[in-house]
PDB file of N, CA and C in Angstrom:
ATOM      1  N   MET A   1      -6.814 -30.918  17.976  1.00  0.00           N
ATOM      2  CA  MET A   1      -5.991 -30.304  17.016  1.00  0.00           C
ATOM      3  C   MET A   1      -6.763 -29.169  16.336  1.00  0.00           C
ATOM      4  N   SER A   2      -6.288 -27.943  16.101  1.00  0.00           N
ATOM      5  CA  SER A   2      -6.955 -27.045  15.319  1.00  0.00           C
ATOM      6  C   SER A   2      -7.095 -27.272  13.899  1.00  0.00           C
ATOM      7  N   ASP A   3      -8.189 -26.864  13.188  1.00  0.00           N
ATOM      8  CA  ASP A   3      -8.378 -27.009  11.883  1.00  0.00           C
ATOM      9  C   ASP A   3      -7.237 -26.214  10.889  1.00  0.00           C
ATOM     10  N   GLU A   4      -6.573 -25.270  11.659  1.00  0.00           N
ATOM     11  CA  GLU A   4      -5.703 -24.316  10.943  1.00  0.00           C
ATOM     12  C   GLU A   4      -4.328 -24.998  10.645  1.00  0.00           C
ATOM     13  N   PHE A   5      -3.919 -26.191  11.284  1.00  0.00           N
ATOM     14  CA  PHE A   5      -2.752 -26.757  11.147  1.00  0.00           C
ATOM     15  C   PHE A   5      -2.869 -28.093  10.297  1.00  0.00           C
ATOM     16  N   CYS A   6      -1.808 -28.479   9.698  1.00  0.00           N
ATOM     17  CA  CYS A   6      -1.804 -29.622   8.750  1.00  0.00           C
ATOM     18  C   CYS A   6      -1.354 -30.765   9.755  1.00  0.00           C
ATOM     19  N   SER A   7      -1.922 -31.820   9.728  1.00  0.00           N
ATOM     20  CA  SER A   7      -1.627 -33.005  10.509  1.00  0.00           C
ATOM     21  C   SER A   7      -1.008 -34.162   9.728  1.00  0.00           C
ATOM     22  N   CYS A   8      -0.740 -33.838   8.381  1.00  0.00           N
ATOM     23  CA  CYS A   8      -0.170 -34.964   7.634  1.00  0.00           C
ATOM     24  C   CYS A   8       1.429 -34.969   7.793  1.00  0.00           C
ATOM     25  N   ASP A   9       1.862 -36.100   7.533  1.00  0.00           N
ATOM     26  CA  ASP A   9       3.327 -36.326   7.802  1.00  0.00           C
ATOM     27  C   ASP A   9       4.022 -36.594   6.419  1.00  0.00           C
ATOM     28  N   ILE A  10       3.335 -36.355   5.358  1.00  0.00           N
ATOM     29  CA  ILE A  10       3.896 -36.254   3.853  1.00  0.00           C
ATOM     30  C   ILE A  10       4.145 -35.013   3.372  1.00  0.00           C
ATOM     31  N   VAL A  11       5.328 -34.907   2.577  1.00  0.00           N
ATOM     32  CA  VAL A  11       5.517 -33.457   1.812  1.00  0.00           C
ATOM     33  C   VAL A  11       5.263 -33.798   0.473  1.00  0.00           C
ATOM     34  N   HIS A  12       4.660 -32.946  -0.039  1.00  0.00           N
ATOM     35  CA  HIS A  12       4.143 -32.990  -1.598  1.00  0.00           C
ATOM     36  C   HIS A  12       5.155 -32.356  -2.325  1.00  0.00           C
ATOM     37  N   GLU A  13       6.224 -33.015  -2.777  1.00  0.00           N
ATOM     38  CA  GLU A  13       7.359 -32.520  -3.356  1.00  0.00           C
ATOM     39  C   GLU A  13       7.105 -31.793  -4.715  1.00  0.00           C
ATOM     40  N   ASN A  14       6.195 -32.412  -5.551  1.00  0.00           N
ATOM     41  CA  ASN A  14       5.632 -31.910  -6.925  1.00  0.00           C
ATOM     42  C   ASN A  14       5.109 -30.363  -6.649  1.00  0.00           C
ATOM     43  N   VAL A  15       4.349 -30.273  -5.550  1.00  0.00           N
ATOM     44  CA  VAL A  15       3.861 -28.964  -5.334  1.00  0.00           C
ATOM     45  C   VAL A  15       4.792 -27.956  -4.974  1.00  0.00           C
ATOM     46  N   ILE A  16       5.761 -28.449  -3.997  1.00  0.00           N
ATOM     47  CA  ILE A  16       6.781 -27.568  -3.577  1.00  0.00           C
ATOM     48  C   ILE A  16       7.700 -27.147  -4.573  1.00  0.00           C
ATOM     49  N   GLU A  17       8.114 -28.027  -5.643  1.00  0.00           N
ATOM     50  CA  GLU A  17       8.975 -27.686  -6.655  1.00  0.00           C
ATOM     51  C   GLU A  17       8.261 -26.726  -7.743  1.00  0.00           C
ATOM     52  N   MET A  18       7.017 -26.999  -8.054  1.00  0.00           N
ATOM     53  CA  MET A  18       6.291 -26.147  -8.850  1.00  0.00           C
ATOM     54  C   MET A  18       6.069 -24.715  -8.311  1.00  0.00           C
ATOM     55  N   VAL A  19       5.962 -24.580  -7.206  1.00  0.00           N
ATOM     56  CA  VAL A  19       5.605 -23.145  -6.449  1.00  0.00           C
ATOM     57  C   VAL A  19       7.160 -22.606  -6.428  1.00  0.00           C
ATOM     58  N   ARG A  20       8.043 -23.354  -5.967  1.00  0.00           N
ATOM     59  CA  ARG A  20       9.498 -22.673  -6.003  1.00  0.00           C
ATOM     60  C   ARG A  20       9.948 -22.126  -7.250  1.00  0.00           C
ATOM     61  N   LYS A  21       9.486 -22.706  -8.377  1.00  0.00           N
ATOM     62  CA  LYS A  21       9.965 -22.302  -9.716  1.00  0.00           C
ATOM     63  C   LYS A  21       9.210 -21.002 -10.156  1.00  0.00           C
ATOM     64  N   LYS A  22       7.823 -20.830  -9.515  1.00  0.00           N
ATOM     65  CA  LYS A  22       7.032 -19.783  -9.863  1.00  0.00           C
ATOM     66  C   LYS A  22       7.039 -18.505  -8.994  1.00  0.00           C
ATOM     67  N   MET A  23       7.771 -18.700  -7.818  1.00  0.00           N
ATOM     68  CA  MET A  23       7.818 -17.631  -6.864  1.00  0.00           C
ATOM     69  C   MET A  23       8.888 -16.550  -7.420  1.00  0.00           C
ATOM     70  N   PRO A  24       8.620 -15.308  -7.022  1.00  0.00           N
ATOM     71  CA  PRO A  24       9.549 -14.271  -7.503  1.00  0.00           C
ATOM     72  C   PRO A  24      10.678 -14.323  -6.644  1.00  0.00           C
ATOM     73  N   GLN A  25      11.800 -13.769  -7.180  1.00  0.00           N
ATOM     74  CA  GLN A  25      13.070 -13.860  -6.427  1.00  0.00           C
ATOM     75  C   GLN A  25      13.038 -13.099  -5.236  1.00  0.00           C
ATOM     76  N   GLU A  26      13.878 -13.655  -4.184  1.00  0.00           N
ATOM     77  CA  GLU A  26      14.020 -13.094  -2.884  1.00  0.00           C
ATOM     78  C   GLU A  26      14.009 -11.588  -2.911  1.00  0.00           C
ATOM     79  N   GLU A  27      14.929 -11.004  -3.679  1.00  0.00           N
ATOM     80  CA  GLU A  27      15.075  -9.628  -3.660  1.00  0.00           C
ATOM     81  C   GLU A  27      13.695  -8.813  -4.086  1.00  0.00           C
ATOM     82  N   LYS A  28      12.980  -9.482  -5.005  1.00  0.00           N
ATOM     83  CA  LYS A  28      11.672  -8.782  -5.409  1.00  0.00           C
ATOM     84  C   LYS A  28      10.573  -8.899  -4.381  1.00  0.00           C
ATOM     85  N   LEU A  29      10.597 -10.105  -3.642  1.00  0.00           N
ATOM     86  CA  LEU A  29       9.678 -10.175  -2.428  1.00  0.00           C
ATOM     87  C   LEU A  29      10.079  -9.131  -1.424  1.00  0.00           C
ATOM     88  N   TYR A  30      11.375  -9.035  -1.239  1.00  0.00           N
ATOM     89  CA  TYR A  30      11.885  -7.966  -0.103  1.00  0.00           C
ATOM     90  C   TYR A  30      11.252  -6.491  -0.630  1.00  0.00           C
ATOM     91  N   ASP A  31      11.469  -6.182  -1.827  1.00  0.00           N
ATOM     92  CA  ASP A  31      11.012  -4.864  -2.483  1.00  0.00           C
ATOM     93  C   ASP A  31       9.284  -4.825  -2.179  1.00  0.00           C
ATOM     94  N   LEU A  32       8.838  -5.859  -2.541  1.00  0.00           N
ATOM     95  CA  LEU A  32       7.257  -5.934  -2.403  1.00  0.00           C
ATOM     96  C   LEU A  32       6.892  -5.645  -0.972  1.00  0.00           C
ATOM     97  N   ALA A  33       7.555  -6.218  -0.074  1.00  0.00           N
ATOM     98  CA  ALA A  33       7.356  -6.242   1.498  1.00  0.00           C
ATOM     99  C   ALA A  33       7.555  -4.775   1.757  1.00  0.00           C
ATOM    100  N   GLU A  34       8.616  -4.146   1.340  1.00  0.00           N
ATOM    101  CA  GLU A  34       8.981  -2.680   1.651  1.00  0.00           C
ATOM    102  C   GLU A  34       7.817  -1.801   1.051  1.00  0.00           C
ATOM    103  N   LEU A  35       7.324  -2.029  -0.121  1.00  0.00           N
ATOM    104  CA  LEU A  35       6.212  -1.199  -0.625  1.00  0.00           C
ATOM    105  C   LEU A  35       4.973  -1.325   0.339  1.00  0.00           C
ATOM    106  N   PHE A  36       4.617  -2.550   0.782  1.00  0.00           N
ATOM    107  CA  PHE A  36       3.520  -2.793   1.638  1.00  0.00           C
ATOM    108  C   PHE A  36       3.525  -1.955   2.968  1.00  0.00           C
ATOM    109  N   LYS A  37       4.917  -1.833   3.369  1.00  0.00           N
ATOM    110  CA  LYS A  37       5.225  -1.108   4.699  1.00  0.00           C
ATOM    111  C   LYS A  37       4.851   0.283   4.492  1.00  0.00           C
ATOM    112  N   VAL A  38       5.002   0.845   3.265  1.00  0.00           N
ATOM    113  CA  VAL A  38       4.667   2.278   3.142  1.00  0.00           C
ATOM    114  C   VAL A  38       3.210   2.454   3.254  1.00  0.00           C
ATOM    115  N   PHE A  39       2.342   1.523   2.779  1.00  0.00           N
ATOM    116  CA  PHE A  39       1.027   1.677   2.852  1.00  0.00           C
ATOM    117  C   PHE A  39       0.505   1.364   4.403  1.00  0.00           C
ATOM    118  N   GLY A  40       1.388   0.937   5.295  1.00  0.00           N
ATOM    119  CA  GLY A  40       1.106   0.663   6.573  1.00  0.00           C
ATOM    120  C   GLY A  40       0.917   1.863   7.486  1.00  0.00           C
ATOM    121  N   ASP A  41       1.036   3.119   6.959  1.00  0.00           N
ATOM    122  CA  ASP A  41       0.690   4.290   7.825  1.00  0.00           C
ATOM    123  C   ASP A  41      -0.494   5.062   7.257  1.00  0.00           C
ATOM    124  N   THR A  42      -1.369   5.230   8.125  1.00  0.00           N
ATOM    125  CA  THR A  42      -2.789   5.806   7.924  1.00  0.00           C
ATOM    126  C   THR A  42      -2.539   7.249   7.268  1.00  0.00           C
ATOM    127  N   THR A  43      -1.609   8.127   7.667  1.00  0.00           N
ATOM    128  CA  THR A  43      -1.356   9.200   7.119  1.00  0.00           C
ATOM    129  C   THR A  43      -1.029   9.220   5.686  1.00  0.00           C
ATOM    130  N   ARG A  44       0.054   8.284   5.428  1.00  0.00           N
ATOM    131  CA  ARG A  44       0.221   8.142   3.931  1.00  0.00           C
ATOM    132  C   ARG A  44      -0.779   7.544   3.177  1.00  0.00           C
ATOM    133  N   VAL A  45      -1.611   6.728   3.617  1.00  0.00           N
ATOM    134  CA  VAL A  45      -2.790   6.262   2.927  1.00  0.00           C
ATOM    135  C   VAL A  45      -3.804   7.563   2.732  1.00  0.00           C
ATOM    136  N   LYS A  46      -4.047   8.410   3.672  1.00  0.00           N
ATOM    137  CA  LYS A  46      -4.788   9.377   3.510  1.00  0.00           C
ATOM    138  C   LYS A  46      -4.338  10.425   2.529  1.00  0.00           C
ATOM    139  N   ILE A  47      -3.038  10.557   2.455  1.00  0.00           N
ATOM    140  CA  ILE A  47      -2.262  11.451   1.307  1.00  0.00           C
ATOM    141  C   ILE A  47      -2.722  10.783  -0.091  1.00  0.00           C
ATOM    142  N   ILE A  48      -2.412   9.585  -0.216  1.00  0.00           N
ATOM    143  CA  ILE A  48      -2.628   8.809  -1.416  1.00  0.00           C
ATOM    144  C   ILE A  48      -4.092   9.014  -1.810  1.00  0.00           C
ATOM    145  N   SER A  49      -4.961   8.806  -0.994  1.00  0.00           N
ATOM    146  CA  SER A  49      -6.462   9.016  -1.254  1.00  0.00           C
ATOM    147  C   SER A  49      -6.781  10.471  -1.795  1.00  0.00           C
ATOM    148  N   ALA A  50      -6.146  11.393  -1.125  1.00  0.00           N
ATOM    149  CA  ALA A  50      -6.281  12.853  -1.538  1.00  0.00           C
ATOM    150  C   ALA A  50      -5.838  13.070  -2.855  1.00  0.00           C
ATOM    151  N   LEU A  51      -4.672  12.422  -3.060  1.00  0.00           N
ATOM    152  CA  LEU A  51      -3.916  12.742  -4.545  1.00  0.00           C
ATOM    153  C   LEU A  51      -4.755  12.008  -5.662  1.00  0.00           C
ATOM    154  N   PHE A  52      -5.658  11.102  -5.412  1.00  0.00           N
ATOM    155  CA  PHE A  52      -6.553  10.484  -6.240  1.00  0.00           C
ATOM    156  C   PHE A  52      -7.438  11.621  -6.926  1.00  0.00           C
ATOM    157  N   GLU A  53      -7.786  12.608  -6.068  1.00  0.00           N
ATOM    158  CA  GLU A  53      -8.739  13.610  -6.431  1.00  0.00           C
ATOM    159  C   GLU A  53      -8.147  14.799  -7.117  1.00  0.00           C
ATOM    160  N   ALA A  54      -6.855  15.100  -6.596  1.00  0.00           N
ATOM    161  CA  ALA A  54      -6.297  16.353  -7.370  1.00  0.00           C
ATOM    162  C   ALA A  54      -4.825  16.471  -6.921  1.00  0.00           C
ATOM    163  N   GLU A  55      -4.144  17.007  -7.755  1.00  0.00           N
ATOM    164  CA  GLU A  55      -2.697  17.428  -7.505  1.00  0.00           C
ATOM    165  C   GLU A  55      -2.745  18.384  -6.383  1.00  0.00           C
ATOM    166  N   MET A  56      -1.912  18.311  -5.338  1.00  0.00           N
ATOM    167  CA  MET A  56      -1.990  19.178  -4.352  1.00  0.00           C
ATOM    168  C   MET A  56      -0.697  19.650  -3.922  1.00  0.00           C
ATOM    169  N   CYS A  57      -0.582  20.732  -3.155  1.00  0.00           N
ATOM    170  CA  CYS A  57       0.685  21.273  -2.499  1.00  0.00           C
ATOM    171  C   CYS A  57       0.745  20.799  -1.098  1.00  0.00           C
ATOM    172  N   VAL A  58       1.892  21.020  -0.409  1.00  0.00           N
ATOM    173  CA  VAL A  58       2.013  20.466   0.902  1.00  0.00           C
ATOM    174  C   VAL A  58       0.957  21.214   1.827  1.00  0.00           C
ATOM    175  N   CYS A  59       0.869  22.445   1.637  1.00  0.00           N
ATOM    176  CA  CYS A  59       0.118  23.316   2.597  1.00  0.00           C
ATOM    177  C   CYS A  59      -1.495  22.827   2.590  1.00  0.00           C
ATOM    178  N   ASP A  60      -1.878  22.498   1.301  1.00  0.00           N
ATOM    179  CA  ASP A  60      -3.364  22.059   1.084  1.00  0.00           C
ATOM    180  C   ASP A  60      -3.465  20.758   1.811  1.00  0.00           C
ATOM    181  N   ILE A  61      -2.586  19.753   1.587  1.00  0.00           N
ATOM    182  CA  ILE A  61      -2.520  18.436   2.209  1.00  0.00           C
ATOM    183  C   ILE A  61      -2.636  18.546   3.724  1.00  0.00           C
ATOM    184  N   ALA A  62      -1.753  19.472   4.254  1.00  0.00           N
ATOM    185  CA  ALA A  62      -1.705  19.609   5.670  1.00  0.00           C
ATOM    186  C   ALA A  62      -2.943  20.292   6.282  1.00  0.00           C
ATOM    187  N   GLU A  63      -3.583  21.110   5.483  1.00  0.00           N
ATOM    188  CA  GLU A  63      -4.902  21.805   5.902  1.00  0.00           C
ATOM    189  C   GLU A  63      -5.956  20.653   5.921  1.00  0.00           C
ATOM    190  N   LEU A  64      -6.006  19.947   4.944  1.00  0.00           N
ATOM    191  CA  LEU A  64      -6.991  18.903   4.693  1.00  0.00           C
ATOM    192  C   LEU A  64      -6.929  17.907   5.785  1.00  0.00           C
ATOM    193  N   LEU A  65      -5.656  17.430   6.164  1.00  0.00           N
ATOM    194  CA  LEU A  65      -5.545  16.307   7.141  1.00  0.00           C
ATOM    195  C   LEU A  65      -5.278  16.883   8.580  1.00  0.00           C
ATOM    196  N   HIS A  66      -5.499  18.184   8.767  1.00  0.00           N
ATOM    197  CA  HIS A  66      -5.152  18.818  10.091  1.00  0.00           C
ATOM    198  C   HIS A  66      -3.922  18.487  10.655  1.00  0.00           C
ATOM    199  N   MET A  67      -2.847  18.631   9.830  1.00  0.00           N
ATOM    200  CA  MET A  67      -1.400  18.281  10.270  1.00  0.00           C
ATOM    201  C   MET A  67      -0.560  19.461   9.992  1.00  0.00           C
ATOM    202  N   THR A  68       0.638  19.427  10.358  1.00  0.00           N
ATOM    203  CA  THR A  68       1.622  20.452  10.092  1.00  0.00           C
ATOM    204  C   THR A  68       2.184  20.210   8.703  1.00  0.00           C
ATOM    205  N   PRO A  69       2.624  21.230   8.005  1.00  0.00           N
ATOM    206  CA  PRO A  69       3.311  21.109   6.737  1.00  0.00           C
ATOM    207  C   PRO A  69       4.542  20.218   6.944  1.00  0.00           C
ATOM    208  N   SER A  70       5.200  20.307   8.040  1.00  0.00           N
ATOM    209  CA  SER A  70       6.462  19.602   8.227  1.00  0.00           C
ATOM    210  C   SER A  70       6.333  18.073   8.243  1.00  0.00           C
ATOM    211  N   SER A  71       5.202  17.608   8.894  1.00  0.00           N
ATOM    212  CA  SER A  71       4.905  16.259   9.065  1.00  0.00           C
ATOM    213  C   SER A  71       4.244  15.609   7.743  1.00  0.00           C
ATOM    214  N   ILE A  72       3.587  16.468   7.053  1.00  0.00           N
ATOM    215  CA  ILE A  72       3.181  16.176   5.605  1.00  0.00           C
ATOM    216  C   ILE A  72       4.386  16.106   4.715  1.00  0.00           C
ATOM    217  N   SER A  73       5.236  16.882   4.716  1.00  0.00           N
ATOM    218  CA  SER A  73       6.521  16.668   3.859  1.00  0.00           C
ATOM    219  C   SER A  73       7.207  15.555   4.261  1.00  0.00           C
ATOM    220  N   HIS A  74       7.336  15.238   5.400  1.00  0.00           N
ATOM    221  CA  HIS A  74       8.111  13.964   5.875  1.00  0.00           C
ATOM    222  C   HIS A  74       7.517  12.752   5.204  1.00  0.00           C
ATOM    223  N   GLN A  75       6.108  12.675   5.389  1.00  0.00           N
ATOM    224  CA  GLN A  75       5.374  11.595   4.696  1.00  0.00           C
ATOM    225  C   GLN A  75       5.487  11.519   3.255  1.00  0.00           C
ATOM    226  N   LEU A  76       5.439  12.807   2.635  1.00  0.00           N
ATOM    227  CA  LEU A  76       5.591  12.736   1.089  1.00  0.00           C
ATOM    228  C   LEU A  76       6.982  12.427   0.637  1.00  0.00           C
ATOM    229  N   ARG A  77       7.949  12.637   1.444  1.00  0.00           N
ATOM    230  CA  ARG A  77       9.335  12.148   1.176  1.00  0.00           C
ATOM    231  C   ARG A  77       9.412  10.596   1.133  1.00  0.00           C
ATOM    232  N   VAL A  78       8.678  10.003   1.991  1.00  0.00           N
ATOM    233  CA  VAL A  78       8.535   8.693   2.056  1.00  0.00           C
ATOM    234  C   VAL A  78       7.888   7.979   0.929  1.00  0.00           C
ATOM    235  N   LEU A  79       6.857   8.701   0.532  1.00  0.00           N
ATOM    236  CA  LEU A  79       6.105   8.372  -0.537  1.00  0.00           C
ATOM    237  C   LEU A  79       6.700   8.353  -1.946  1.00  0.00           C
ATOM    238  N   ARG A  80       7.598   9.413  -1.901  1.00  0.00           N
ATOM    239  CA  ARG A  80       8.375   9.712  -3.106  1.00  0.00           C
ATOM    240  C   ARG A  80       9.298   8.789  -3.299  1.00  0.00           C
ATOM    241  N   GLN A  81      10.015   8.406  -2.182  1.00  0.00           N
ATOM    242  CA  GLN A  81      11.103   7.290  -2.261  1.00  0.00           C
ATOM    243  C   GLN A  81      10.703   5.987  -2.773  1.00  0.00           C
ATOM    244  N   ALA A  82       9.361   5.718  -2.315  1.00  0.00           N
ATOM    245  CA  ALA A  82       8.788   4.410  -2.751  1.00  0.00           C
ATOM    246  C   ALA A  82       8.127   4.613  -4.149  1.00  0.00           C
ATOM    247  N   ARG A  83       8.284   5.704  -4.797  1.00  0.00           N
ATOM    248  CA  ARG A  83       7.918   6.093  -6.217  1.00  0.00           C
ATOM    249  C   ARG A  83       6.419   5.963  -6.349  1.00  0.00           C
ATOM    250  N   LEU A  84       5.683   6.306  -5.175  1.00  0.00           N
ATOM    251  CA  LEU A  84       4.225   6.421  -5.246  1.00  0.00           C
ATOM    252  C   LEU A  84       3.727   7.661  -5.599  1.00  0.00           C
ATOM    253  N   VAL A  85       4.506   8.723  -5.184  1.00  0.00           N
ATOM    254  CA  VAL A  85       4.129  10.022  -5.636  1.00  0.00           C
ATOM    255  C   VAL A  85       5.293  10.786  -6.382  1.00  0.00           C
ATOM    256  N   LYS A  86       4.986  11.757  -7.099  1.00  0.00           N
ATOM    257  CA  LYS A  86       5.881  12.726  -7.896  1.00  0.00           C
ATOM    258  C   LYS A  86       5.593  14.101  -7.552  1.00  0.00           C
ATOM    259  N   HIS A  87       6.494  14.978  -7.884  1.00  0.00           N
ATOM    260  CA  HIS A  87       6.345  16.322  -7.573  1.00  0.00           C
ATOM    261  C   HIS A  87       6.788  17.345  -8.750  1.00  0.00           C
ATOM    262  N   ARG A  88       6.278  18.284  -8.692  1.00  0.00           N
ATOM    263  CA  ARG A  88       6.734  19.441  -9.685  1.00  0.00           C
ATOM    264  C   ARG A  88       6.638  20.807  -9.102  1.00  0.00           C
ATOM    265  N   LYS A  89       7.509  21.652  -9.339  1.00  0.00           N
ATOM    266  CA  LYS A  89       7.600  22.970  -8.735  1.00  0.00           C
ATOM    267  C   LYS A  89       7.031  23.925  -9.741  1.00  0.00           C
ATOM    268  N   GLU A  90       6.215  24.918  -9.128  1.00  0.00           N
ATOM    269  CA  GLU A  90       5.551  26.033  -9.928  1.00  0.00           C
ATOM    270  C   GLU A  90       5.980  27.301  -8.897  1.00  0.00           C
ATOM    271  N   GLY A  91       7.082  27.954  -9.262  1.00  0.00           N
ATOM    272  CA  GLY A  91       7.548  28.985  -8.578  1.00  0.00           C
ATOM    273  C   GLY A  91       8.085  28.442  -7.198  1.00  0.00           C
ATOM    274  N   LYS A  92       7.701  28.956  -6.050  1.00  0.00           N
ATOM    275  CA  LYS A  92       7.911  28.413  -4.782  1.00  0.00           C
ATOM    276  C   LYS A  92       7.099  27.228  -4.212  1.00  0.00           C
ATOM    277  N   VAL A  93       5.979  27.027  -5.096  1.00  0.00           N
ATOM    278  CA  VAL A  93       5.106  25.941  -4.552  1.00  0.00           C
ATOM    279  C   VAL A  93       5.569  24.568  -5.178  1.00  0.00           C
ATOM    280  N   VAL A  94       5.376  23.622  -4.399  1.00  0.00           N
ATOM    281  CA  VAL A  94       5.620  22.187  -4.926  1.00  0.00           C
ATOM    282  C   VAL A  94       4.375  21.546  -4.817  1.00  0.00           C
ATOM    283  N   PHE A  95       3.904  20.996  -5.997  1.00  0.00           N
ATOM    284  CA  PHE A  95       2.750  20.251  -6.101  1.00  0.00           C
ATOM    285  C   PHE A  95       3.061  18.603  -6.310  1.00  0.00           C
ATOM    286  N   TYR A  96       2.235  17.884  -5.639  1.00  0.00           N
ATOM    287  CA  TYR A  96       2.262  16.301  -5.477  1.00  0.00           C
ATOM    288  C   TYR A  96       1.222  15.818  -6.251  1.00  0.00           C
ATOM    289  N   SER A  97       1.415  14.671  -6.885  1.00  0.00           N
ATOM    290  CA  SER A  97       0.442  13.876  -7.500  1.00  0.00           C
ATOM    291  C   SER A  97       0.994  12.354  -7.486  1.00  0.00           C
ATOM    292  N   LEU A  98       0.060  11.503  -7.809  1.00  0.00           N
ATOM    293  CA  LEU A  98       0.323  10.124  -7.737  1.00  0.00           C
ATOM    294  C   LEU A  98       1.410   9.921  -8.916  1.00  0.00           C
ATOM    295  N   ASP A  99       2.345   8.888  -8.814  1.00  0.00           N
ATOM    296  CA  ASP A  99       3.351   8.656  -9.737  1.00  0.00           C
ATOM    297  C   ASP A  99       2.857   8.107 -11.047  1.00  0.00           C
ATOM    298  N   ASP A 100       1.857   7.048 -10.827  1.00  0.00           N
ATOM    299  CA  ASP A 100       1.217   6.524 -12.152  1.00  0.00           C
ATOM    300  C   ASP A 100       0.092   5.764 -11.782  1.00  0.00           C
ATOM    301  N   GLU A 101      -0.588   5.097 -12.656  1.00  0.00           N
ATOM    302  CA  GLU A 101      -1.906   4.525 -12.509  1.00  0.00           C
ATOM    303  C   GLU A 101      -1.809   3.184 -11.594  1.00  0.00           C
ATOM    304  N   HIS A 102      -0.610   2.679 -11.458  1.00  0.00           N
ATOM    305  CA  HIS A 102      -0.505   1.391 -10.642  1.00  0.00           C
ATOM    306  C   HIS A 102      -0.897   1.740  -9.207  1.00  0.00           C
ATOM    307  N   ILE A 103      -0.630   2.864  -8.708  1.00  0.00           N
ATOM    308  CA  ILE A 103      -1.075   3.232  -7.470  1.00  0.00           C
ATOM    309  C   ILE A 103      -2.416   3.155  -7.259  1.00  0.00           C
ATOM    310  N   LYS A 104      -3.376   3.607  -8.038  1.00  0.00           N
ATOM    311  CA  LYS A 104      -4.800   3.461  -8.073  1.00  0.00           C
ATOM    312  C   LYS A 104      -5.231   2.029  -7.991  1.00  0.00           C
ATOM    313  N   THR A 105      -4.472   1.291  -8.909  1.00  0.00           N
ATOM    314  CA  THR A 105      -4.939  -0.060  -8.949  1.00  0.00           C
ATOM    315  C   THR A 105      -4.537  -0.969  -7.487  1.00  0.00           C
ATOM    316  N   ILE A 106      -3.522  -0.704  -6.984  1.00  0.00           N
ATOM    317  CA  ILE A 106      -3.012  -1.165  -5.740  1.00  0.00           C
ATOM    318  C   ILE A 106      -4.026  -0.755  -4.894  1.00  0.00           C
ATOM    319  N   PHE A 107      -4.221   0.513  -4.544  1.00  0.00           N
ATOM    320  CA  PHE A 107      -5.144   1.086  -3.550  1.00  0.00           C
ATOM    321  C   PHE A 107      -6.568   0.566  -3.746  1.00  0.00           C
ATOM    322  N   ASN A 108      -7.049   0.683  -4.975  1.00  0.00           N
ATOM    323  CA  ASN A 108      -8.565   0.265  -5.020  1.00  0.00           C
ATOM    324  C   ASN A 108      -8.748  -1.223  -4.960  1.00  0.00           C
ATOM    325  N   GLN A 109      -7.785  -1.914  -5.484  1.00  0.00           N
ATOM    326  CA  GLN A 109      -7.993  -3.405  -5.124  1.00  0.00           C
ATOM    327  C   GLN A 109      -7.879  -3.789  -3.488  1.00  0.00           C
ATOM    328  N   SER A 110      -6.946  -3.145  -2.959  1.00  0.00           N
ATOM    329  CA  SER A 110      -6.794  -3.327  -1.469  1.00  0.00           C
ATOM    330  C   SER A 110      -8.190  -2.789  -0.708  1.00  0.00           C
ATOM    331  N   LEU A 111      -8.623  -1.748  -1.151  1.00  0.00           N
ATOM    332  CA  LEU A 111      -9.961  -1.089  -0.515  1.00  0.00           C
ATOM    333  C   LEU A 111     -11.114  -2.029  -0.890  1.00  0.00           C
ATOM    334  N   GLU A 112     -11.160  -2.637  -2.102  1.00  0.00           N
ATOM    335  CA  GLU A 112     -12.184  -3.672  -2.387  1.00  0.00           C
ATOM    336  C   GLU A 112     -12.004  -4.892  -1.640  1.00  0.00           C
ATOM    337  N   HIS A 113     -10.894  -5.242  -1.336  1.00  0.00           N
ATOM    338  CA  HIS A 113     -10.683  -6.502  -0.467  1.00  0.00           C
ATOM    339  C   HIS A 113     -11.180  -6.325   1.015  1.00  0.00           C
ATOM    340  N   ILE A 114     -10.977  -5.070   1.584  1.00  0.00           N
ATOM    341  CA  ILE A 114     -11.294  -4.867   2.925  1.00  0.00           C
ATOM    342  C   ILE A 114     -12.836  -4.697   3.134  1.00  0.00           C
ATOM    343  N   LEU A 115     -13.428  -4.113   2.045  1.00  0.00           N
ATOM    344  CA  LEU A 115     -14.950  -3.869   1.823  1.00  0.00           C
ATOM    345  C   LEU A 115     -15.736  -5.055   1.474  1.00  0.00           C
ATOM    346  N   GLU A 116     -15.061  -6.130   1.117  1.00  0.00           N
ATOM    347  CA  GLU A 116     -16.067  -7.282   0.707  1.00  0.00           C
ATOM    348  C   GLU A 116     -16.538  -7.962   1.904  1.00  0.00           C
ATOM    349  N   PRO A 117     -17.782  -8.535   1.715  1.00  0.00           N
ATOM    350  CA  PRO A 117     -18.360  -9.090   2.982  1.00  0.00           C
ATOM    351  C   PRO A 117     -17.493 -10.385   3.509  1.00  0.00           C
ATOM    352  N   ARG A 118     -17.588 -10.393   4.899  1.00  0.00           N
ATOM    353  CA  ARG A 118     -16.749 -11.438   5.528  1.00  0.00           C
ATOM    354  C   ARG A 118     -17.566 -12.733   5.587  1.00  0.00           C
ATOM    355  N   GLY A 119     -16.753 -13.806   5.834  1.00  0.00           N
ATOM    356  CA  GLY A 119     -17.448 -15.192   5.895  1.00  0.00           C
ATOM    357  C   GLY A 119     -18.156 -15.280   7.131  1.00  0.00           C
ATOM    358  N   PHE A 120     -18.636 -16.514   7.378  1.00  0.00           N
ATOM    359  CA  PHE A 120     -19.669 -16.945   8.320  1.00  0.00           C
ATOM    360  C   PHE A 120     -18.812 -16.566   9.869  1.00  0.00           C
ATOM    361  N   GLU A 121     -17.648 -16.699  10.008  1.00  0.00           N
ATOM    362  CA  GLU A 121     -17.125 -16.474  11.267  1.00  0.00           C
ATOM    363  C   GLU A 121     -17.302 -15.067  11.889  1.00  0.00           C
ATOM    364  N   TYR A 122     -17.848 -14.225  11.040  1.00  0.00           N
ATOM    365  CA  TYR A 122     -18.152 -12.875  11.481  1.00  0.00           C
ATOM    366  C   TYR A 122     -19.564 -12.557  11.693  1.00  0.00           C
ATOM    367  N   ALA A 123     -20.389 -13.712  11.248  1.00  0.00           N
ATOM    368  CA  ALA A 123     -21.903 -13.472  11.404  1.00  0.00           C
ATOM    369  C   ALA A 123     -22.256 -13.297  12.864  1.00  0.00           C
ATOM    370  N   ILE A 124     -23.312 -12.577  13.053  1.00  0.00           N
ATOM    371  CA  ILE A 124     -23.963 -12.322  14.327  1.00  0.00           C
ATOM    372  C   ILE A 124     -24.789 -13.559  14.798  1.00  0.00           C
ATOM    373  N   SER A 125     -24.496 -14.042  15.874  1.00  0.00           N
ATOM    374  CA  SER A 125     -25.216 -15.299  16.337  1.00  0.00           C
ATOM    375  C   SER A 125     -26.404 -14.789  17.188  1.00  0.00           C
TER     376      SER A 125
END
């Protein structure tokens, strides 16, 4: 039997009840999963990364990422709906920036996680 599966026949009711009480409501967990889906697209992650450095217009982001303004606009719309970016108009130009500091925290902690050294299972033999 694999080390990844539990072979016990007992249920730890006290642990289950304690965890059940502390877990967020189902609706909040759904919203959290939806937020993580937004981070599941490389283009959107690149846009967020770019907006760390400066407020940018669609054309500048498109040039930076070698994409069309139309495709960037689509991704920015998704990011705006998820409240990850905000925009402001200056004449005919629309500038985008990160919505708040939480986005930097989420992004940086996730980046830190993927950059941390792996355990022994990835060691070269």
